[in-house]
């Protein structure tokens, strides 16, 4: 016998799967040739590996560290 809690959990899991699919499957923009932060060239290998990349590795690492810092280290 299925109760309302099971149905609610199933719907929540389905919605989460839909939300994840929507984010991971959305088209991304064209990768930039130069970093939007420091204007240095973004290597071709990085542009090919990450569709829509806009920062060099160093600037991306800094941006991610800043984001973690402002989110309380999460």
PDB file of N, CA and C in Angstrom:
ATOM      1  N   UNK A   1       0.835  -1.180   0.000  1.00  0.00           N
ATOM      2  CA  UNK A   1       0.000   0.000   0.000  1.00  0.00           C
ATOM      3  C   UNK A   1       0.884   1.249   0.000  1.00  0.00           C
ATOM      4  N   UNK A   2       0.562   2.203  -0.861  1.00  0.00           N
ATOM      5  CA  UNK A   2       1.325   3.433  -0.990  1.00  0.00           C
ATOM      6  C   UNK A   2       0.616   4.537  -0.211  1.00  0.00           C
ATOM      7  N   UNK A   3       1.391   5.215   0.635  1.00  0.00           N
ATOM      8  CA  UNK A   3       0.756   6.305   1.389  1.00  0.00           C
ATOM      9  C   UNK A   3       1.140   7.658   0.784  1.00  0.00           C
ATOM     10  N   UNK A   4       0.544   8.701   1.300  1.00  0.00           N
ATOM     11  CA  UNK A   4       0.740  10.028   0.728  1.00  0.00           C
ATOM     12  C   UNK A   4       2.181  10.518   0.864  1.00  0.00           C
ATOM     13  N   UNK A   5       2.866  10.095   1.906  1.00  0.00           N
ATOM     14  CA  UNK A   5       4.262  10.491   2.086  1.00  0.00           C
ATOM     15  C   UNK A   5       5.136   9.900   0.983  1.00  0.00           C
ATOM     16  N   UNK A   6       4.895   8.645   0.624  1.00  0.00           N
ATOM     17  CA  UNK A   6       5.645   8.007  -0.461  1.00  0.00           C
ATOM     18  C   UNK A   6       5.401   8.725  -1.786  1.00  0.00           C
ATOM     19  N   UNK A   7       4.170   9.079  -2.033  1.00  0.00           N
ATOM     20  CA  UNK A   7       3.821   9.790  -3.269  1.00  0.00           C
ATOM     21  C   UNK A   7       4.506  11.158  -3.295  1.00  0.00           C
ATOM     22  N   UNK A   8       4.482  11.862  -2.187  1.00  0.00           N
ATOM     23  CA  UNK A   8       5.111  13.179  -2.108  1.00  0.00           C
ATOM     24  C   UNK A   8       6.616  13.073  -2.323  1.00  0.00           C
ATOM     25  N   UNK A   9       7.248  12.075  -1.728  1.00  0.00           N
ATOM     26  CA  UNK A   9       8.685  11.886  -1.909  1.00  0.00           C
ATOM     27  C   UNK A   9       9.025  11.530  -3.356  1.00  0.00           C
ATOM     28  N   UNK A  10       8.200  10.731  -3.970  1.00  0.00           N
ATOM     29  CA  UNK A  10       8.421  10.357  -5.362  1.00  0.00           C
ATOM     30  C   UNK A  10       8.297  11.590  -6.267  1.00  0.00           C
ATOM     31  N   UNK A  11       7.288  12.395  -6.034  1.00  0.00           N
ATOM     32  CA  UNK A  11       7.112  13.617  -6.832  1.00  0.00           C
ATOM     33  C   UNK A  11       8.278  14.580  -6.628  1.00  0.00           C
ATOM     34  N   UNK A  12       8.740  14.687  -5.393  1.00  0.00           N
ATOM     35  CA  UNK A  12       9.870  15.564  -5.103  1.00  0.00           C
ATOM     36  C   UNK A  12      11.125  15.055  -5.823  1.00  0.00           C
ATOM     37  N   UNK A  13      11.363  13.769  -5.812  1.00  0.00           N
ATOM     38  CA  UNK A  13      12.518  13.185  -6.505  1.00  0.00           C
ATOM     39  C   UNK A  13      12.418  13.403  -8.013  1.00  0.00           C
ATOM     40  N   UNK A  14      11.229  13.257  -8.567  1.00  0.00           N
ATOM     41  CA  UNK A  14      11.030  13.487  -9.997  1.00  0.00           C
ATOM     42  C   UNK A  14      11.280  14.948 -10.350  1.00  0.00           C
ATOM     43  N   UNK A  15      10.802  15.857  -9.525  1.00  0.00           N
ATOM     44  CA  UNK A  15      11.001  17.293  -9.764  1.00  0.00           C
ATOM     45  C   UNK A  15      12.478  17.653  -9.680  1.00  0.00           C
ATOM     46  N   UNK A  16      13.175  17.087  -8.712  1.00  0.00           N
ATOM     47  CA  UNK A  16      14.605  17.325  -8.580  1.00  0.00           C
ATOM     48  C   UNK A  16      15.350  16.826  -9.812  1.00  0.00           C
ATOM     49  N   UNK A  17      14.993  15.650 -10.294  1.00  0.00           N
ATOM     50  CA  UNK A  17      15.617  15.102 -11.502  1.00  0.00           C
ATOM     51  C   UNK A  17      15.352  15.999 -12.710  1.00  0.00           C
ATOM     52  N   UNK A  18      14.145  16.531 -12.816  1.00  0.00           N
ATOM     53  CA  UNK A  18      13.816  17.447 -13.914  1.00  0.00           C
ATOM     54  C   UNK A  18      14.626  18.741 -13.817  1.00  0.00           C
ATOM     55  N   UNK A  19      14.759  19.272 -12.605  1.00  0.00           N
ATOM     56  CA  UNK A  19      15.517  20.504 -12.411  1.00  0.00           C
ATOM     57  C   UNK A  19      16.990  20.300 -12.749  1.00  0.00           C
ATOM     58  N   UNK A  20      17.553  19.178 -12.328  1.00  0.00           N
ATOM     59  CA  UNK A  20      18.952  18.880 -12.631  1.00  0.00           C
ATOM     60  C   UNK A  20      19.149  18.729 -14.127  1.00  0.00           C
ATOM     61  N   UNK A  21      18.242  18.019 -14.792  1.00  0.00           N
ATOM     62  CA  UNK A  21      18.333  17.829 -16.241  1.00  0.00           C
ATOM     63  C   UNK A  21      18.235  19.174 -16.967  1.00  0.00           C
ATOM     64  N   UNK A  22      17.378  20.053 -16.497  1.00  0.00           N
ATOM     65  CA  UNK A  22      17.212  21.360 -17.144  1.00  0.00           C
ATOM     66  C   UNK A  22      18.497  22.182 -17.064  1.00  0.00           C
ATOM     67  N   UNK A  23      19.193  22.081 -15.950  1.00  0.00           N
ATOM     68  CA  UNK A  23      20.423  22.848 -15.782  1.00  0.00           C
ATOM     69  C   UNK A  23      21.578  22.216 -16.556  1.00  0.00           C
ATOM     70  N   UNK A  24      21.712  20.920 -16.480  1.00  0.00           N
ATOM     71  CA  UNK A  24      22.866  20.272 -17.109  1.00  0.00           C
ATOM     72  C   UNK A  24      22.733  20.146 -18.618  1.00  0.00           C
ATOM     73  N   UNK A  25      21.536  20.218 -19.133  1.00  0.00           N
ATOM     74  CA  UNK A  25      21.340  20.030 -20.566  1.00  0.00           C
ATOM     75  C   UNK A  25      21.073  21.329 -21.321  1.00  0.00           C
ATOM     76  N   UNK A  26      21.061  22.438 -20.626  1.00  0.00           N
ATOM     77  CA  UNK A  26      20.794  23.695 -21.326  1.00  0.00           C
ATOM     78  C   UNK A  26      22.015  24.077 -22.166  1.00  0.00           C
ATOM     79  N   UNK A  27      21.771  24.683 -23.295  1.00  0.00           N
ATOM     80  CA  UNK A  27      22.885  25.078 -24.149  1.00  0.00           C
ATOM     81  C   UNK A  27      23.709  26.181 -23.503  1.00  0.00           C
ATOM     82  N   UNK A  28      24.979  26.127 -23.735  1.00  0.00           N
ATOM     83  CA  UNK A  28      25.871  27.134 -23.184  1.00  0.00           C
ATOM     84  C   UNK A  28      26.413  27.982 -24.322  1.00  0.00           C
ATOM     85  N   UNK A  29      26.873  29.139 -23.975  1.00  0.00           N
ATOM     86  CA  UNK A  29      27.403  30.048 -24.979  1.00  0.00           C
ATOM     87  C   UNK A  29      28.746  29.594 -25.523  1.00  0.00           C
ATOM     88  N   UNK A  30      29.212  30.318 -26.478  1.00  0.00           N
ATOM     89  CA  UNK A  30      30.499  30.051 -27.097  1.00  0.00           C
ATOM     90  C   UNK A  30      31.596  30.458 -26.120  1.00  0.00           C
ATOM     91  N   UNK A  31      32.646  29.658 -26.047  1.00  0.00           N
ATOM     92  CA  UNK A  31      33.765  29.974 -25.168  1.00  0.00           C
ATOM     93  C   UNK A  31      34.507  31.215 -25.648  1.00  0.00           C
ATOM     94  N   UNK A  32      34.956  31.995 -24.687  1.00  0.00           N
ATOM     95  CA  UNK A  32      35.716  33.206 -24.999  1.00  0.00           C
ATOM     96  C   UNK A  32      37.171  32.852 -25.306  1.00  0.00           C
ATOM     97  N   UNK A  33      37.813  33.678 -26.104  1.00  0.00           N
ATOM     98  CA  UNK A  33      39.234  33.485 -26.405  1.00  0.00           C
ATOM     99  C   UNK A  33      40.117  34.159 -25.364  1.00  0.00           C
ATOM    100  N   UNK A  34      39.578  35.187 -24.703  1.00  0.00           N
ATOM    101  CA  UNK A  34      40.332  35.914 -23.693  1.00  0.00           C
ATOM    102  C   UNK A  34      39.527  35.988 -22.400  1.00  0.00           C
ATOM    103  N   UNK A  35      40.214  35.910 -21.289  1.00  0.00           N
ATOM    104  CA  UNK A  35      39.593  35.923 -19.961  1.00  0.00           C
ATOM    105  C   UNK A  35      38.862  37.241 -19.731  1.00  0.00           C
ATOM    106  N   UNK A  36      37.649  37.153 -19.211  1.00  0.00           N
ATOM    107  CA  UNK A  36      36.868  38.365 -18.936  1.00  0.00           C
ATOM    108  C   UNK A  36      37.414  39.144 -17.748  1.00  0.00           C
ATOM    109  N   UNK A  37      38.240  38.515 -16.923  1.00  0.00           N
ATOM    110  CA  UNK A  37      38.789  39.181 -15.737  1.00  0.00           C
ATOM    111  C   UNK A  37      40.144  39.843 -16.016  1.00  0.00           C
ATOM    112  N   UNK A  38      41.083  39.069 -16.583  1.00  0.00           N
ATOM    113  CA  UNK A  38      42.462  39.569 -16.722  1.00  0.00           C
ATOM    114  C   UNK A  38      42.905  39.766 -18.162  1.00  0.00           C
ATOM    115  N   UNK A  39      42.068  39.403 -19.108  1.00  0.00           N
ATOM    116  CA  UNK A  39      42.341  39.585 -20.540  1.00  0.00           C
ATOM    117  C   UNK A  39      43.439  38.678 -21.094  1.00  0.00           C
ATOM    118  N   UNK A  40      43.874  37.680 -20.322  1.00  0.00           N
ATOM    119  CA  UNK A  40      44.872  36.756 -20.867  1.00  0.00           C
ATOM    120  C   UNK A  40      44.172  35.728 -21.756  1.00  0.00           C
ATOM    121  N   UNK A  41      44.930  35.123 -22.658  1.00  0.00           N
ATOM    122  CA  UNK A  41      44.365  34.144 -23.591  1.00  0.00           C
ATOM    123  C   UNK A  41      43.928  32.882 -22.846  1.00  0.00           C
ATOM    124  N   UNK A  42      42.774  32.351 -23.226  1.00  0.00           N
ATOM    125  CA  UNK A  42      42.285  31.088 -22.667  1.00  0.00           C
ATOM    126  C   UNK A  42      42.749  29.981 -23.609  1.00  0.00           C
ATOM    127  N   UNK A  43      43.501  28.988 -23.097  1.00  0.00           N
ATOM    128  CA  UNK A  43      44.023  27.930 -23.965  1.00  0.00           C
ATOM    129  C   UNK A  43      42.910  27.183 -24.700  1.00  0.00           C
ATOM    130  N   UNK A  44      43.220  26.750 -25.915  1.00  0.00           N
ATOM    131  CA  UNK A  44      42.246  26.038 -26.741  1.00  0.00           C
ATOM    132  C   UNK A  44      41.709  24.796 -26.044  1.00  0.00           C
ATOM    133  N   UNK A  45      42.587  24.069 -25.353  1.00  0.00           N
ATOM    134  CA  UNK A  45      42.148  22.852 -24.662  1.00  0.00           C
ATOM    135  C   UNK A  45      41.065  23.167 -23.628  1.00  0.00           C
ATOM    136  N   UNK A  46      41.215  24.276 -22.915  1.00  0.00           N
ATOM    137  CA  UNK A  46      40.201  24.676 -21.924  1.00  0.00           C
ATOM    138  C   UNK A  46      38.909  25.080 -22.612  1.00  0.00           C
ATOM    139  N   UNK A  47      39.015  25.832 -23.712  1.00  0.00           N
ATOM    140  CA  UNK A  47      37.811  26.252 -24.436  1.00  0.00           C
ATOM    141  C   UNK A  47      37.048  25.049 -24.974  1.00  0.00           C
ATOM    142  N   UNK A  48      37.762  24.042 -25.420  1.00  0.00           N
ATOM    143  CA  UNK A  48      37.096  22.838 -25.939  1.00  0.00           C
ATOM    144  C   UNK A  48      36.492  21.987 -24.825  1.00  0.00           C
ATOM    145  N   UNK A  49      37.191  21.922 -23.701  1.00  0.00           N
ATOM    146  CA  UNK A  49      36.733  21.083 -22.592  1.00  0.00           C
ATOM    147  C   UNK A  49      35.504  21.660 -21.899  1.00  0.00           C
ATOM    148  N   UNK A  50      35.427  22.986 -21.819  1.00  0.00           N
ATOM    149  CA  UNK A  50      34.334  23.652 -21.102  1.00  0.00           C
ATOM    150  C   UNK A  50      33.608  24.594 -22.047  1.00  0.00           C
ATOM    151  N   UNK A  51      32.514  24.147 -22.580  1.00  0.00           N
ATOM    152  CA  UNK A  51      31.722  24.962 -23.480  1.00  0.00           C
ATOM    153  C   UNK A  51      31.190  26.181 -22.730  1.00  0.00           C
ATOM    154  N   UNK A  52      31.455  27.362 -23.239  1.00  0.00           N
ATOM    155  CA  UNK A  52      30.965  28.586 -22.612  1.00  0.00           C
ATOM    156  C   UNK A  52      31.910  29.185 -21.590  1.00  0.00           C
ATOM    157  N   UNK A  53      33.142  28.701 -21.524  1.00  0.00           N
ATOM    158  CA  UNK A  53      34.102  29.208 -20.542  1.00  0.00           C
ATOM    159  C   UNK A  53      34.413  30.680 -20.837  1.00  0.00           C
ATOM    160  N   UNK A  54      34.560  31.478 -19.774  1.00  0.00           N
ATOM    161  CA  UNK A  54      34.821  32.906 -19.958  1.00  0.00           C
ATOM    162  C   UNK A  54      35.995  33.407 -19.121  1.00  0.00           C
ATOM    163  N   UNK A  55      36.602  32.513 -18.319  1.00  0.00           N
ATOM    164  CA  UNK A  55      37.736  32.903 -17.485  1.00  0.00           C
ATOM    165  C   UNK A  55      38.888  31.927 -17.664  1.00  0.00           C
ATOM    166  N   UNK A  56      40.106  32.421 -17.457  1.00  0.00           N
ATOM    167  CA  UNK A  56      41.267  31.533 -17.432  1.00  0.00           C
ATOM    168  C   UNK A  56      41.207  30.716 -16.137  1.00  0.00           C
ATOM    169  N   UNK A  57      42.064  29.730 -16.024  1.00  0.00           N
ATOM    170  CA  UNK A  57      42.043  28.849 -14.850  1.00  0.00           C
ATOM    171  C   UNK A  57      42.272  29.639 -13.568  1.00  0.00           C
ATOM    172  N   UNK A  58      43.267  30.509 -13.562  1.00  0.00           N
ATOM    173  CA  UNK A  58      43.580  31.274 -12.356  1.00  0.00           C
ATOM    174  C   UNK A  58      42.425  32.145 -11.889  1.00  0.00           C
ATOM    175  N   UNK A  59      41.822  32.858 -12.818  1.00  0.00           N
ATOM    176  CA  UNK A  59      40.694  33.730 -12.458  1.00  0.00           C
ATOM    177  C   UNK A  59      39.472  32.927 -12.035  1.00  0.00           C
ATOM    178  N   UNK A  60      39.259  31.771 -12.660  1.00  0.00           N
ATOM    179  CA  UNK A  60      38.134  30.922 -12.272  1.00  0.00           C
ATOM    180  C   UNK A  60      38.324  30.412 -10.853  1.00  0.00           C
ATOM    181  N   UNK A  61      39.560  30.006 -10.517  1.00  0.00           N
ATOM    182  CA  UNK A  61      39.838  29.545  -9.156  1.00  0.00           C
ATOM    183  C   UNK A  61      39.579  30.653  -8.143  1.00  0.00           C
ATOM    184  N   UNK A  62      40.028  31.867  -8.450  1.00  0.00           N
ATOM    185  CA  UNK A  62      39.776  32.998  -7.554  1.00  0.00           C
ATOM    186  C   UNK A  62      38.282  33.259  -7.390  1.00  0.00           C
ATOM    187  N   UNK A  63      37.541  33.221  -8.480  1.00  0.00           N
ATOM    188  CA  UNK A  63      36.095  33.455  -8.423  1.00  0.00           C
ATOM    189  C   UNK A  63      35.408  32.394  -7.565  1.00  0.00           C
ATOM    190  N   UNK A  64      35.837  31.137  -7.708  1.00  0.00           N
ATOM    191  CA  UNK A  64      35.238  30.063  -6.910  1.00  0.00           C
ATOM    192  C   UNK A  64      35.581  30.219  -5.433  1.00  0.00           C
ATOM    193  N   UNK A  65      36.825  30.636  -5.132  1.00  0.00           N
ATOM    194  CA  UNK A  65      37.208  30.862  -3.730  1.00  0.00           C
ATOM    195  C   UNK A  65      36.389  31.997  -3.127  1.00  0.00           C
ATOM    196  N   UNK A  66      36.219  33.071  -3.897  1.00  0.00           N
ATOM    197  CA  UNK A  66      35.396  34.192  -3.410  1.00  0.00           C
ATOM    198  C   UNK A  66      33.969  33.748  -3.138  1.00  0.00           C
ATOM    199  N   UNK A  67      33.417  32.965  -4.062  1.00  0.00           N
ATOM    200  CA  UNK A  67      32.037  32.490  -3.900  1.00  0.00           C
ATOM    201  C   UNK A  67      31.908  31.637  -2.643  1.00  0.00           C
ATOM    202  N   UNK A  68      32.870  30.759  -2.411  1.00  0.00           N
ATOM    203  CA  UNK A  68      32.835  29.922  -1.193  1.00  0.00           C
ATOM    204  C   UNK A  68      32.955  30.776   0.053  1.00  0.00           C
ATOM    205  N   UNK A  69      33.829  31.784   0.006  1.00  0.00           N
ATOM    206  CA  UNK A  69      34.023  32.656   1.156  1.00  0.00           C
ATOM    207  C   UNK A  69      32.735  33.401   1.505  1.00  0.00           C
ATOM    208  N   UNK A  70      32.058  33.929   0.487  1.00  0.00           N
ATOM    209  CA  UNK A  70      30.828  34.685   0.725  1.00  0.00           C
ATOM    210  C   UNK A  70      29.660  33.801   1.097  1.00  0.00           C
ATOM    211  N   UNK A  71      29.750  32.503   0.810  1.00  0.00           N
ATOM    212  CA  UNK A  71      28.682  31.578   1.199  1.00  0.00           C
ATOM    213  C   UNK A  71      28.962  30.954   2.557  1.00  0.00           C
ATOM    214  N   UNK A  72      29.931  31.435   3.244  1.00  0.00           N
ATOM    215  CA  UNK A  72      30.231  30.920   4.577  1.00  0.00           C
ATOM    216  C   UNK A  72      31.067  29.653   4.549  1.00  0.00           C
ATOM    217  N   UNK A  73      31.848  29.445   3.479  1.00  0.00           N
ATOM    218  CA  UNK A  73      32.746  28.300   3.410  1.00  0.00           C
ATOM    219  C   UNK A  73      32.085  27.012   3.003  1.00  0.00           C
ATOM    220  N   UNK A  74      30.878  27.096   2.464  1.00  0.00           N
ATOM    221  CA  UNK A  74      30.151  25.882   2.064  1.00  0.00           C
ATOM    222  C   UNK A  74      30.725  25.327   0.806  1.00  0.00           C
TER     223      UNK A  74
END
